N, C-alpha and C. Protein backbone atom coordinates (compact mmCIF):
# COMPACT_ATOMS: atom_id res chain seq x y z
N MET A 1 -102.35 -131.70 308.32
CA MET A 1 -102.74 -131.09 307.16
C MET A 1 -103.80 -130.20 307.44
N SER A 2 -103.20 -128.67 307.32
CA SER A 2 -104.02 -127.35 307.32
C SER A 2 -105.22 -127.72 306.47
N ARG A 3 -106.15 -127.17 306.48
CA ARG A 3 -107.60 -126.84 305.82
C ARG A 3 -107.42 -126.26 304.32
N GLU A 4 -106.08 -125.34 304.47
CA GLU A 4 -105.74 -125.01 303.12
C GLU A 4 -105.03 -125.27 302.34
N GLN A 5 -104.67 -126.50 302.23
CA GLN A 5 -103.80 -127.79 301.45
C GLN A 5 -104.31 -128.76 301.12
N ILE A 6 -105.93 -128.51 301.76
CA ILE A 6 -106.61 -129.75 301.26
C ILE A 6 -107.65 -129.10 300.00
N PRO A 7 -107.24 -129.62 298.81
CA PRO A 7 -108.10 -129.56 297.95
C PRO A 7 -109.43 -129.88 297.66
N VAL A 8 -110.13 -128.93 296.50
CA VAL A 8 -111.49 -129.69 296.64
C VAL A 8 -111.73 -130.07 295.52
N ILE A 9 -112.88 -131.31 295.61
CA ILE A 9 -112.55 -132.33 294.99
C ILE A 9 -113.80 -132.01 293.69
N LEU A 10 -113.70 -131.85 292.90
CA LEU A 10 -114.61 -131.66 291.87
C LEU A 10 -115.09 -132.77 291.02
N ALA A 11 -116.25 -133.59 291.19
CA ALA A 11 -117.17 -134.45 291.09
C ALA A 11 -116.89 -134.19 289.44
N SER A 12 -116.82 -133.50 288.66
CA SER A 12 -116.80 -133.30 286.94
C SER A 12 -115.93 -132.94 286.16
N ARG A 13 -115.96 -133.77 285.41
CA ARG A 13 -114.69 -133.57 284.07
C ARG A 13 -114.79 -132.36 283.29
N SER A 14 -115.67 -131.61 283.89
CA SER A 14 -115.94 -129.98 283.00
C SER A 14 -114.95 -128.96 283.10
N PRO A 15 -114.59 -129.21 282.29
CA PRO A 15 -113.03 -128.18 282.03
C PRO A 15 -113.92 -126.35 282.74
N ARG A 16 -114.94 -126.08 282.10
CA ARG A 16 -115.65 -125.35 282.39
C ARG A 16 -115.71 -124.66 284.39
N ARG A 17 -115.80 -125.33 284.91
CA ARG A 17 -116.18 -125.50 286.16
C ARG A 17 -114.42 -125.36 287.13
N LEU A 18 -114.26 -126.22 286.21
CA LEU A 18 -112.74 -126.16 287.01
C LEU A 18 -112.06 -124.63 287.29
N ALA A 19 -112.30 -124.03 285.60
CA ALA A 19 -111.51 -122.75 285.41
C ALA A 19 -112.10 -121.74 285.98
N LEU A 20 -113.37 -122.17 286.43
CA LEU A 20 -113.54 -120.90 287.64
C LEU A 20 -113.90 -121.47 289.14
N LEU A 21 -113.74 -122.43 289.52
CA LEU A 21 -113.23 -122.58 290.85
C LEU A 21 -111.24 -121.92 291.12
N GLN A 22 -110.89 -122.76 290.01
CA GLN A 22 -109.04 -122.08 290.04
C GLN A 22 -108.92 -120.44 289.44
N ARG A 23 -110.11 -120.08 289.33
CA ARG A 23 -109.94 -118.38 289.13
C ARG A 23 -110.49 -118.34 290.81
N LEU A 24 -111.22 -118.39 291.20
CA LEU A 24 -111.29 -117.94 292.70
C LEU A 24 -110.28 -117.97 293.98
N GLY A 25 -108.46 -119.21 292.90
CA GLY A 25 -107.98 -119.34 293.89
C GLY A 25 -107.67 -120.88 294.67
N PHE A 26 -108.96 -121.64 294.33
CA PHE A 26 -108.89 -123.02 294.83
C PHE A 26 -108.03 -123.90 294.68
N SER A 27 -107.45 -124.29 295.10
CA SER A 27 -106.37 -126.21 294.58
C SER A 27 -107.87 -127.14 294.46
N VAL A 28 -107.46 -127.64 293.10
CA VAL A 28 -109.02 -128.52 292.95
C VAL A 28 -108.05 -129.59 292.12
N ARG A 29 -108.62 -130.92 292.12
CA ARG A 29 -108.56 -132.45 292.36
C ARG A 29 -109.99 -132.39 291.77
N VAL A 30 -109.50 -132.38 290.32
CA VAL A 30 -110.79 -133.06 289.48
C VAL A 30 -110.98 -135.12 289.53
N GLU A 31 -112.18 -135.69 289.56
CA GLU A 31 -112.98 -137.01 289.74
C GLU A 31 -113.68 -137.32 289.64
N GLY A 32 -113.82 -137.00 288.05
CA GLY A 32 -114.66 -137.50 287.29
C GLY A 32 -115.63 -138.32 287.53
N VAL A 33 -116.93 -138.01 287.41
CA VAL A 33 -117.88 -139.41 287.60
C VAL A 33 -118.45 -139.79 286.02
N SER A 34 -118.68 -141.11 285.66
CA SER A 34 -119.64 -141.37 284.40
C SER A 34 -120.49 -141.97 285.10
N LEU A 35 -122.13 -140.82 284.47
CA LEU A 35 -122.81 -141.77 285.10
C LEU A 35 -123.85 -141.01 283.80
N PRO A 36 -125.59 -142.65 283.92
CA PRO A 36 -125.96 -142.30 282.66
C PRO A 36 -126.81 -140.99 283.03
N GLU A 37 -126.80 -139.90 282.34
CA GLU A 37 -128.05 -138.86 282.47
C GLU A 37 -128.77 -138.82 281.72
N ILE A 38 -130.06 -139.47 282.17
CA ILE A 38 -131.00 -139.90 281.48
C ILE A 38 -131.96 -139.04 282.76
N PRO A 39 -133.22 -138.47 282.70
CA PRO A 39 -134.01 -138.35 283.67
C PRO A 39 -134.82 -139.59 283.77
N VAL A 40 -135.57 -140.01 284.45
CA VAL A 40 -136.62 -140.72 285.49
C VAL A 40 -137.73 -140.23 284.42
N PRO A 41 -138.57 -141.40 284.11
CA PRO A 41 -140.18 -140.82 284.08
C PRO A 41 -140.76 -140.03 285.12
N SER A 42 -141.19 -138.95 284.66
CA SER A 42 -141.74 -138.05 285.69
C SER A 42 -141.30 -137.06 286.30
N GLU A 43 -140.09 -137.10 286.03
CA GLU A 43 -139.09 -136.42 286.66
C GLU A 43 -138.96 -134.86 286.41
N CYS A 44 -139.06 -133.98 287.45
CA CYS A 44 -139.34 -132.08 286.69
C CYS A 44 -138.26 -132.36 286.37
N PRO A 45 -137.44 -131.67 285.84
CA PRO A 45 -135.98 -131.33 285.69
C PRO A 45 -135.25 -130.49 286.86
N GLU A 46 -135.89 -129.80 287.51
CA GLU A 46 -135.09 -129.61 289.06
C GLU A 46 -134.62 -130.64 289.77
N SER A 47 -135.70 -131.73 289.66
CA SER A 47 -135.64 -132.94 290.19
C SER A 47 -133.99 -133.68 289.78
N TYR A 48 -134.56 -133.67 289.02
CA TYR A 48 -132.95 -134.38 287.95
C TYR A 48 -132.28 -133.22 288.15
N VAL A 49 -131.44 -132.17 287.84
CA VAL A 49 -130.17 -131.83 287.92
C VAL A 49 -129.64 -132.05 289.13
N LEU A 50 -130.52 -131.87 290.19
CA LEU A 50 -130.21 -131.95 291.78
C LEU A 50 -129.65 -133.45 291.92
N ARG A 51 -130.51 -134.43 291.33
CA ARG A 51 -130.20 -136.31 291.22
C ARG A 51 -129.33 -136.22 290.74
N MET A 52 -128.76 -135.89 289.82
CA MET A 52 -127.32 -135.84 289.29
C MET A 52 -126.21 -135.46 289.87
N ALA A 53 -126.46 -134.15 290.48
CA ALA A 53 -125.35 -133.57 291.34
C ALA A 53 -125.44 -134.62 292.51
N ARG A 54 -126.78 -134.70 293.38
CA ARG A 54 -126.07 -135.34 294.30
C ARG A 54 -125.08 -136.85 294.10
N GLN A 55 -125.63 -137.46 292.76
CA GLN A 55 -125.21 -138.99 292.38
C GLN A 55 -123.20 -138.90 292.66
N LYS A 56 -123.22 -137.88 291.59
CA LYS A 56 -121.48 -137.25 291.35
C LYS A 56 -121.06 -137.34 293.13
N VAL A 57 -122.01 -136.96 293.80
CA VAL A 57 -121.04 -136.34 295.00
C VAL A 57 -120.95 -137.56 295.76
N GLU A 58 -121.77 -138.57 295.80
CA GLU A 58 -122.11 -139.56 296.56
C GLU A 58 -120.92 -140.85 296.08
N ALA A 59 -120.88 -140.32 294.73
CA ALA A 59 -119.48 -141.62 293.46
C ALA A 59 -118.47 -141.00 294.44
N VAL A 60 -118.27 -140.09 294.77
CA VAL A 60 -116.79 -139.90 295.36
C VAL A 60 -116.32 -139.21 296.08
N ALA A 61 -117.55 -139.06 297.54
CA ALA A 61 -117.09 -138.82 298.79
C ALA A 61 -116.32 -139.96 299.98
N PRO A 62 -116.95 -140.99 299.11
CA PRO A 62 -116.60 -142.35 300.34
C PRO A 62 -115.05 -141.96 300.15
N ARG A 63 -113.92 -141.66 298.94
CA ARG A 63 -112.62 -142.18 298.65
C ARG A 63 -111.83 -140.72 299.46
N PHE A 64 -113.00 -139.93 299.62
CA PHE A 64 -112.22 -138.72 299.73
C PHE A 64 -113.15 -137.97 301.12
N PRO A 65 -113.21 -138.63 302.24
CA PRO A 65 -113.97 -138.03 303.11
C PRO A 65 -114.26 -137.26 304.02
N HIS A 66 -112.66 -136.69 304.02
CA HIS A 66 -112.08 -135.54 304.87
C HIS A 66 -112.14 -134.14 304.17
N HIS A 67 -112.39 -134.28 302.74
CA HIS A 67 -112.00 -132.75 301.61
C HIS A 67 -113.30 -132.62 301.33
N PRO A 68 -113.82 -131.70 300.93
CA PRO A 68 -114.90 -131.01 300.73
C PRO A 68 -115.20 -131.59 299.15
N VAL A 69 -116.53 -132.09 298.85
CA VAL A 69 -116.56 -132.26 297.54
C VAL A 69 -117.34 -131.81 296.94
N LEU A 70 -117.43 -131.66 295.34
CA LEU A 70 -118.68 -130.54 294.67
C LEU A 70 -118.46 -131.43 293.26
N GLY A 71 -120.48 -131.41 293.57
CA GLY A 71 -120.68 -131.88 292.42
C GLY A 71 -121.98 -131.29 291.42
N ALA A 72 -121.93 -130.83 290.22
CA ALA A 72 -122.94 -129.89 289.69
C ALA A 72 -123.03 -130.61 288.71
N ASP A 73 -124.74 -130.37 288.13
CA ASP A 73 -124.92 -130.98 287.08
C ASP A 73 -126.16 -129.56 285.98
N THR A 74 -125.88 -129.24 285.07
CA THR A 74 -126.31 -128.41 284.08
C THR A 74 -127.75 -128.89 282.95
N ALA A 75 -128.73 -128.33 283.07
CA ALA A 75 -129.29 -128.26 281.87
C ALA A 75 -130.24 -127.18 281.53
N VAL A 76 -130.11 -126.95 280.27
CA VAL A 76 -131.20 -126.23 279.78
C VAL A 76 -132.51 -126.83 279.50
N VAL A 77 -133.15 -125.61 279.98
CA VAL A 77 -134.86 -126.43 279.78
C VAL A 77 -135.44 -125.04 279.39
N LEU A 78 -136.17 -125.92 277.99
CA LEU A 78 -137.45 -124.91 277.19
C LEU A 78 -138.61 -125.82 277.41
N GLN A 79 -140.15 -124.92 278.16
CA GLN A 79 -141.24 -125.01 278.02
C GLN A 79 -141.29 -126.65 279.03
N GLY A 80 -140.08 -127.10 280.00
CA GLY A 80 -140.77 -127.89 281.00
C GLY A 80 -139.97 -129.37 280.08
N GLN A 81 -139.56 -129.16 278.79
CA GLN A 81 -138.02 -130.04 278.37
C GLN A 81 -137.32 -129.35 278.40
N ILE A 82 -135.84 -131.28 278.80
CA ILE A 82 -134.58 -131.24 278.93
C ILE A 82 -134.07 -131.21 277.74
N PHE A 83 -133.06 -130.20 277.39
CA PHE A 83 -132.07 -130.13 276.52
C PHE A 83 -130.45 -130.65 276.80
N GLY A 84 -130.59 -131.36 277.09
CA GLY A 84 -128.94 -131.93 277.37
C GLY A 84 -127.86 -131.98 276.34
N LYS A 85 -126.78 -132.60 276.42
CA LYS A 85 -125.67 -132.20 275.15
C LYS A 85 -126.78 -133.40 274.33
N PRO A 86 -126.14 -132.38 272.89
CA PRO A 86 -126.89 -132.63 271.26
C PRO A 86 -125.79 -133.82 271.29
N SER A 87 -126.04 -135.16 270.49
CA SER A 87 -125.81 -136.40 269.94
C SER A 87 -125.08 -135.93 269.02
N GLY A 88 -125.07 -135.02 268.29
CA GLY A 88 -124.39 -134.47 267.14
C GLY A 88 -124.44 -133.34 266.52
N PRO A 89 -123.76 -132.93 265.27
CA PRO A 89 -124.98 -131.39 264.34
C PRO A 89 -125.80 -131.44 264.66
N ALA A 90 -126.46 -132.58 263.52
CA ALA A 90 -127.94 -131.89 263.51
C ALA A 90 -128.86 -132.04 264.79
N GLU A 91 -128.87 -132.95 265.94
CA GLU A 91 -129.39 -132.19 266.86
C GLU A 91 -129.63 -130.77 267.74
N ALA A 92 -127.54 -130.94 267.82
CA ALA A 92 -127.37 -128.89 268.03
C ALA A 92 -128.11 -128.10 266.88
N GLU A 93 -128.12 -128.39 265.60
CA GLU A 93 -128.96 -127.36 265.27
C GLU A 93 -130.71 -127.27 265.27
N GLU A 94 -130.72 -128.61 265.61
CA GLU A 94 -132.73 -128.44 266.28
C GLU A 94 -133.04 -127.90 267.60
N MET A 95 -131.86 -127.99 268.66
CA MET A 95 -132.19 -127.22 269.52
C MET A 95 -131.71 -126.05 269.08
N LEU A 96 -130.48 -125.40 269.32
CA LEU A 96 -130.24 -124.03 268.81
C LEU A 96 -131.79 -123.39 267.85
N SER A 97 -132.67 -123.95 266.79
CA SER A 97 -133.50 -123.55 266.32
C SER A 97 -134.82 -123.80 267.30
N ALA A 98 -135.04 -124.71 268.24
CA ALA A 98 -135.62 -124.33 269.37
C ALA A 98 -135.76 -122.93 270.42
N LEU A 99 -134.58 -122.96 270.29
CA LEU A 99 -134.23 -121.62 271.36
C LEU A 99 -134.32 -120.57 270.92
N SER A 100 -134.17 -120.37 269.23
CA SER A 100 -134.31 -118.82 269.12
C SER A 100 -135.40 -118.42 269.08
N GLY A 101 -134.91 -117.15 269.50
CA GLY A 101 -135.90 -115.98 269.82
C GLY A 101 -136.82 -116.22 270.85
N LYS A 102 -136.39 -117.35 271.96
CA LYS A 102 -137.50 -117.72 273.21
C LYS A 102 -136.74 -117.42 274.62
N VAL A 103 -137.28 -117.32 275.30
CA VAL A 103 -136.72 -117.20 277.31
C VAL A 103 -136.51 -118.82 277.13
N HIS A 104 -135.39 -119.06 277.72
CA HIS A 104 -135.26 -120.23 278.51
C HIS A 104 -134.37 -120.75 280.01
N GLN A 105 -134.65 -121.41 280.65
CA GLN A 105 -134.36 -122.33 282.22
C GLN A 105 -133.24 -121.95 281.37
N VAL A 106 -131.81 -121.83 282.74
CA VAL A 106 -130.76 -122.63 282.83
C VAL A 106 -131.17 -123.03 284.16
N LEU A 107 -130.65 -125.02 284.55
CA LEU A 107 -130.87 -124.89 286.06
C LEU A 107 -130.09 -125.93 285.91
N THR A 108 -128.89 -125.90 287.10
CA THR A 108 -127.63 -126.00 287.68
C THR A 108 -128.01 -126.76 289.27
N GLY A 109 -128.15 -127.77 289.37
CA GLY A 109 -128.42 -128.35 291.00
C GLY A 109 -127.05 -128.68 291.17
N VAL A 110 -126.19 -128.43 292.38
CA VAL A 110 -125.00 -128.72 292.93
C VAL A 110 -125.36 -129.09 294.64
N ALA A 111 -124.25 -129.99 294.58
CA ALA A 111 -123.68 -130.78 296.00
C ALA A 111 -122.76 -130.67 296.58
N PHE A 112 -122.55 -130.65 297.66
CA PHE A 112 -121.69 -130.45 298.42
C PHE A 112 -121.45 -130.88 299.65
N GLU A 113 -120.53 -131.93 300.08
CA GLU A 113 -120.40 -132.27 301.22
C GLU A 113 -118.73 -132.86 301.57
N VAL A 114 -118.92 -132.63 302.58
CA VAL A 114 -117.77 -133.29 303.32
C VAL A 114 -118.20 -134.64 304.54
N LEU A 115 -117.83 -135.83 303.98
CA LEU A 115 -118.66 -136.78 304.14
C LEU A 115 -118.12 -137.23 305.89
N ALA A 116 -116.82 -136.56 306.65
CA ALA A 116 -116.32 -136.66 307.94
C ALA A 116 -117.32 -136.08 308.47
N GLU A 117 -117.29 -134.75 307.83
CA GLU A 117 -118.59 -133.93 309.61
C GLU A 117 -119.83 -134.11 309.30
N GLY A 118 -120.42 -135.12 307.96
CA GLY A 118 -122.00 -135.16 307.85
C GLY A 118 -122.31 -133.94 307.36
N ASP A 119 -122.16 -133.27 306.75
CA ASP A 119 -122.39 -131.87 306.06
C ASP A 119 -122.84 -131.97 304.32
N LEU A 120 -123.95 -132.11 303.81
CA LEU A 120 -124.26 -131.98 303.17
C LEU A 120 -124.55 -130.89 302.61
N GLN A 121 -124.93 -130.42 301.70
CA GLN A 121 -126.05 -129.13 301.06
C GLN A 121 -126.18 -128.98 299.36
N THR A 122 -127.24 -129.22 299.47
CA THR A 122 -127.73 -128.90 298.16
C THR A 122 -128.48 -127.69 297.65
N ALA A 123 -128.05 -126.86 296.56
CA ALA A 123 -129.30 -126.16 295.85
C ALA A 123 -129.65 -126.52 294.52
N VAL A 124 -130.47 -125.72 293.56
CA VAL A 124 -131.11 -125.62 292.60
C VAL A 124 -130.70 -124.18 292.18
N VAL A 125 -130.09 -123.53 291.06
CA VAL A 125 -130.05 -122.50 291.08
C VAL A 125 -130.99 -122.47 288.85
N GLU A 126 -131.46 -121.39 288.95
CA GLU A 126 -132.37 -121.02 288.07
C GLU A 126 -131.56 -119.48 287.59
N THR A 127 -131.36 -119.77 286.19
CA THR A 127 -131.02 -118.72 285.49
C THR A 127 -132.01 -118.22 284.38
N LEU A 128 -132.37 -117.43 283.64
CA LEU A 128 -133.11 -117.24 282.63
C LEU A 128 -132.70 -116.52 281.19
N VAL A 129 -132.74 -116.99 280.30
CA VAL A 129 -131.59 -116.77 279.30
C VAL A 129 -132.34 -116.33 278.24
N LYS A 130 -132.72 -115.59 277.08
CA LYS A 130 -133.11 -115.35 276.68
C LYS A 130 -131.94 -115.05 274.95
N MET A 131 -132.77 -115.68 273.90
CA MET A 131 -131.82 -116.37 272.85
C MET A 131 -132.30 -115.24 271.88
N ARG A 132 -131.21 -114.24 270.98
CA ARG A 132 -131.75 -113.91 269.63
C ARG A 132 -132.39 -114.61 269.00
N ARG A 133 -133.50 -113.81 267.57
CA ARG A 133 -133.74 -114.48 267.00
C ARG A 133 -132.45 -114.81 265.63
N LEU A 134 -132.24 -116.47 265.27
CA LEU A 134 -131.20 -117.14 264.45
C LEU A 134 -132.25 -117.02 263.25
N THR A 135 -130.67 -116.66 262.45
CA THR A 135 -131.73 -117.30 260.83
C THR A 135 -130.83 -118.70 261.06
N GLY A 136 -131.58 -119.44 259.65
CA GLY A 136 -130.45 -120.87 259.57
C GLY A 136 -129.26 -120.90 259.60
N GLU A 137 -128.69 -119.67 259.30
CA GLU A 137 -127.28 -119.56 258.34
C GLU A 137 -126.44 -119.48 259.37
N GLU A 138 -127.18 -119.00 260.26
CA GLU A 138 -126.03 -118.23 261.95
C GLU A 138 -126.12 -119.97 262.56
N ILE A 139 -126.93 -120.05 262.99
CA ILE A 139 -127.40 -121.69 263.27
C ILE A 139 -126.48 -122.31 262.36
N ARG A 140 -126.37 -122.85 261.97
CA ARG A 140 -125.09 -123.73 260.99
C ARG A 140 -123.51 -123.11 261.03
N ARG A 141 -123.30 -121.65 261.18
CA ARG A 141 -122.31 -121.73 261.19
C ARG A 141 -121.60 -121.77 262.91
N TYR A 142 -122.81 -121.50 263.77
CA TYR A 142 -122.29 -121.46 265.10
C TYR A 142 -121.86 -123.31 265.35
N VAL A 143 -123.14 -123.94 264.54
CA VAL A 143 -122.27 -125.71 264.55
C VAL A 143 -121.19 -126.33 263.77
N ALA A 144 -120.57 -125.31 263.49
CA ALA A 144 -119.88 -125.86 262.21
C ALA A 144 -118.34 -125.47 263.41
N THR A 145 -118.18 -124.76 263.66
CA THR A 145 -117.20 -124.46 265.17
C THR A 145 -117.02 -125.28 266.16
N ALA A 146 -118.43 -126.42 266.27
CA ALA A 146 -118.00 -127.62 267.20
C ALA A 146 -118.13 -127.14 268.19
N GLU A 147 -118.23 -125.90 268.93
CA GLU A 147 -118.41 -125.51 270.18
C GLU A 147 -119.80 -125.93 270.98
N PRO A 148 -120.61 -126.11 270.14
CA PRO A 148 -121.98 -126.53 270.73
C PRO A 148 -121.94 -128.08 271.17
N LEU A 149 -121.07 -128.68 270.55
CA LEU A 149 -121.52 -130.89 270.72
C LEU A 149 -121.30 -131.37 272.32
N ASP A 150 -120.89 -130.41 273.00
CA ASP A 150 -120.50 -130.89 274.64
C ASP A 150 -121.05 -129.78 275.38
N LYS A 151 -122.16 -128.88 275.04
CA LYS A 151 -122.73 -128.17 275.88
C LYS A 151 -123.98 -128.10 275.82
N ALA A 152 -125.07 -128.19 277.51
CA ALA A 152 -126.05 -128.70 277.21
C ALA A 152 -126.93 -127.28 276.61
N GLY A 153 -127.80 -127.88 275.97
CA GLY A 153 -128.64 -126.91 275.42
C GLY A 153 -127.88 -126.29 273.77
N ALA A 154 -126.51 -126.89 273.42
CA ALA A 154 -125.87 -126.62 272.52
C ALA A 154 -125.27 -125.37 272.34
N TYR A 155 -125.27 -124.64 273.56
CA TYR A 155 -124.37 -123.71 273.61
C TYR A 155 -123.72 -123.10 274.43
N ALA A 156 -122.62 -121.83 274.02
CA ALA A 156 -121.81 -122.18 275.60
C ALA A 156 -121.46 -120.17 275.56
N ILE A 157 -122.59 -119.34 277.10
CA ILE A 157 -122.54 -118.26 277.14
C ILE A 157 -121.07 -117.12 276.82
N GLN A 158 -119.95 -118.12 277.79
CA GLN A 158 -118.36 -117.80 277.77
C GLN A 158 -117.62 -117.82 276.84
N GLY A 159 -118.47 -118.37 275.61
CA GLY A 159 -117.83 -118.95 274.36
C GLY A 159 -118.36 -117.46 273.08
N GLU A 160 -118.43 -118.81 271.77
CA GLU A 160 -118.88 -117.54 270.65
C GLU A 160 -120.35 -117.32 270.89
N GLY A 161 -120.94 -118.73 271.48
CA GLY A 161 -122.24 -118.20 271.93
C GLY A 161 -122.69 -117.72 272.79
N GLY A 162 -122.04 -116.70 273.49
CA GLY A 162 -122.19 -115.43 273.56
C GLY A 162 -123.08 -114.78 272.69
N MET A 163 -122.68 -114.68 272.16
CA MET A 163 -122.91 -113.79 270.83
C MET A 163 -124.42 -113.77 270.15
N LEU A 164 -125.22 -115.28 270.60
CA LEU A 164 -126.82 -115.71 270.44
C LEU A 164 -127.24 -115.04 271.45
N ILE A 165 -126.95 -114.71 272.50
CA ILE A 165 -127.61 -114.57 274.13
C ILE A 165 -127.93 -112.94 273.54
N GLU A 166 -128.95 -112.94 274.09
CA GLU A 166 -129.68 -111.25 273.99
C GLU A 166 -129.89 -110.60 275.59
N ALA A 167 -130.30 -111.36 276.27
CA ALA A 167 -129.74 -111.04 277.48
C ALA A 167 -130.67 -112.05 278.38
N ILE A 168 -129.67 -112.24 279.83
CA ILE A 168 -129.75 -113.61 281.03
C ILE A 168 -130.18 -112.62 282.26
N TYR A 169 -131.39 -113.06 282.98
CA TYR A 169 -131.44 -112.86 283.99
C TYR A 169 -131.63 -113.97 285.00
N GLY A 170 -130.38 -113.69 285.84
CA GLY A 170 -129.63 -114.21 286.80
C GLY A 170 -128.21 -114.21 287.16
N SER A 171 -128.05 -115.94 287.52
CA SER A 171 -126.28 -116.10 287.32
C SER A 171 -125.32 -116.08 286.28
N TYR A 172 -124.87 -115.17 286.32
CA TYR A 172 -124.12 -115.37 284.25
C TYR A 172 -123.26 -116.78 285.09
N THR A 173 -122.43 -117.16 286.15
CA THR A 173 -122.05 -117.92 285.99
C THR A 173 -122.32 -119.59 286.14
N ASN A 174 -124.17 -119.53 286.22
CA ASN A 174 -125.06 -121.19 286.39
C ASN A 174 -124.84 -121.15 285.36
N VAL A 175 -124.77 -120.65 284.61
CA VAL A 175 -124.87 -120.17 282.47
C VAL A 175 -123.71 -121.51 282.10
N ILE A 176 -122.71 -121.12 282.31
CA ILE A 176 -121.50 -121.51 282.67
C ILE A 176 -121.06 -123.20 282.91
N GLY A 177 -121.83 -122.94 284.25
CA GLY A 177 -122.13 -124.42 284.76
C GLY A 177 -122.35 -124.55 285.75
N LEU A 178 -121.69 -123.61 286.96
CA LEU A 178 -121.39 -123.50 288.31
C LEU A 178 -122.18 -122.10 288.57
N PRO A 179 -123.06 -122.35 289.90
CA PRO A 179 -123.46 -120.70 290.18
C PRO A 179 -122.74 -120.43 291.19
N LEU A 180 -121.01 -119.94 291.30
CA LEU A 180 -120.86 -119.14 292.15
C LEU A 180 -121.30 -118.36 293.78
N PRO A 181 -122.09 -117.81 293.48
CA PRO A 181 -122.54 -117.33 294.67
C PRO A 181 -123.24 -117.92 295.47
N THR A 182 -123.84 -119.17 294.87
CA THR A 182 -124.28 -120.27 296.20
C THR A 182 -123.49 -120.94 296.30
N ILE A 183 -122.14 -121.34 295.96
CA ILE A 183 -121.26 -122.45 296.48
C ILE A 183 -119.76 -121.66 297.20
N ILE A 184 -119.63 -120.27 296.69
CA ILE A 184 -118.43 -119.70 297.47
C ILE A 184 -118.93 -119.70 299.40
N PRO A 185 -120.26 -120.05 299.74
CA PRO A 185 -120.36 -119.00 300.69
C PRO A 185 -119.91 -121.17 301.87
N TRP A 186 -120.35 -122.49 300.85
CA TRP A 186 -119.96 -123.50 301.32
C TRP A 186 -118.46 -123.53 301.30
N LEU A 187 -117.81 -123.44 300.81
CA LEU A 187 -116.50 -123.41 300.47
C LEU A 187 -115.44 -122.71 301.86
N ARG A 188 -116.23 -121.70 301.62
CA ARG A 188 -115.94 -120.26 302.48
C ARG A 188 -115.91 -120.90 304.13
N ARG A 189 -116.81 -121.71 304.66
CA ARG A 189 -117.27 -121.83 306.26
C ARG A 189 -115.94 -122.95 305.94
N PHE A 190 -115.87 -124.14 305.08
CA PHE A 190 -114.89 -125.34 305.33
C PHE A 190 -113.39 -124.65 305.34
N TYR A 191 -113.01 -124.05 304.76
CA TYR A 191 -111.97 -123.50 304.88
C TYR A 191 -111.35 -122.46 306.10
N GLN A 192 -112.36 -121.43 306.49
CA GLN A 192 -112.18 -120.63 307.24
C GLN A 192 -112.39 -121.38 308.96
N GLU A 193 -112.85 -122.65 308.67
CA GLU A 193 -113.01 -123.17 310.07
C GLU A 193 -111.77 -123.94 311.36
N GLU A 194 -111.83 -123.73 311.99
CA GLU A 194 -110.29 -124.17 312.87
C GLU A 194 -110.36 -125.37 312.50
N ASP A 195 -109.00 -126.31 312.30
CA ASP A 195 -108.40 -127.74 312.49
C ASP A 195 -109.25 -127.94 313.89
N PRO A 196 -109.55 -129.12 313.61
CA PRO A 196 -109.90 -129.77 315.09
C PRO A 196 -109.06 -130.24 315.79
């Protein structure tokens, strides 16, 4: 089998990450991983997202040792506090109220491994995002769309949540959940190398 025929193994069930990879023309196989997404005591946000990305890859790579395996984890961070996916509409409203009018970080940890080659690459990518000052009615109306309920920080910049954003500083695709400028060189290196 030539390398062009080997799919990328995506250790994530995120349809947004899958769509980004497919848009670039990669064949992708989704192998989602269920892990407790809880920071350990005193763990900083950067360490947390990187640990989660690595654990996703480590859970999947042994089953696909000759495939490129990609894992990612994204968190919204405000003043050191990690905002994961809201537990329901009430928490989504709380998160958006806290983010309203402020600049926050979007951190994505990414890990990439071809186990048979002993090739593990990792990175944490930061994008700064400024949210508009939102009214309570705007927040309630957005939460009622249900879009925020499975998104870190309770918004989707590529969806209706894009209307909440005033400015971004850094990678746009990082805010969606996959920093393409970081991972494309890793994938190109694998697919452009000659078969042994």
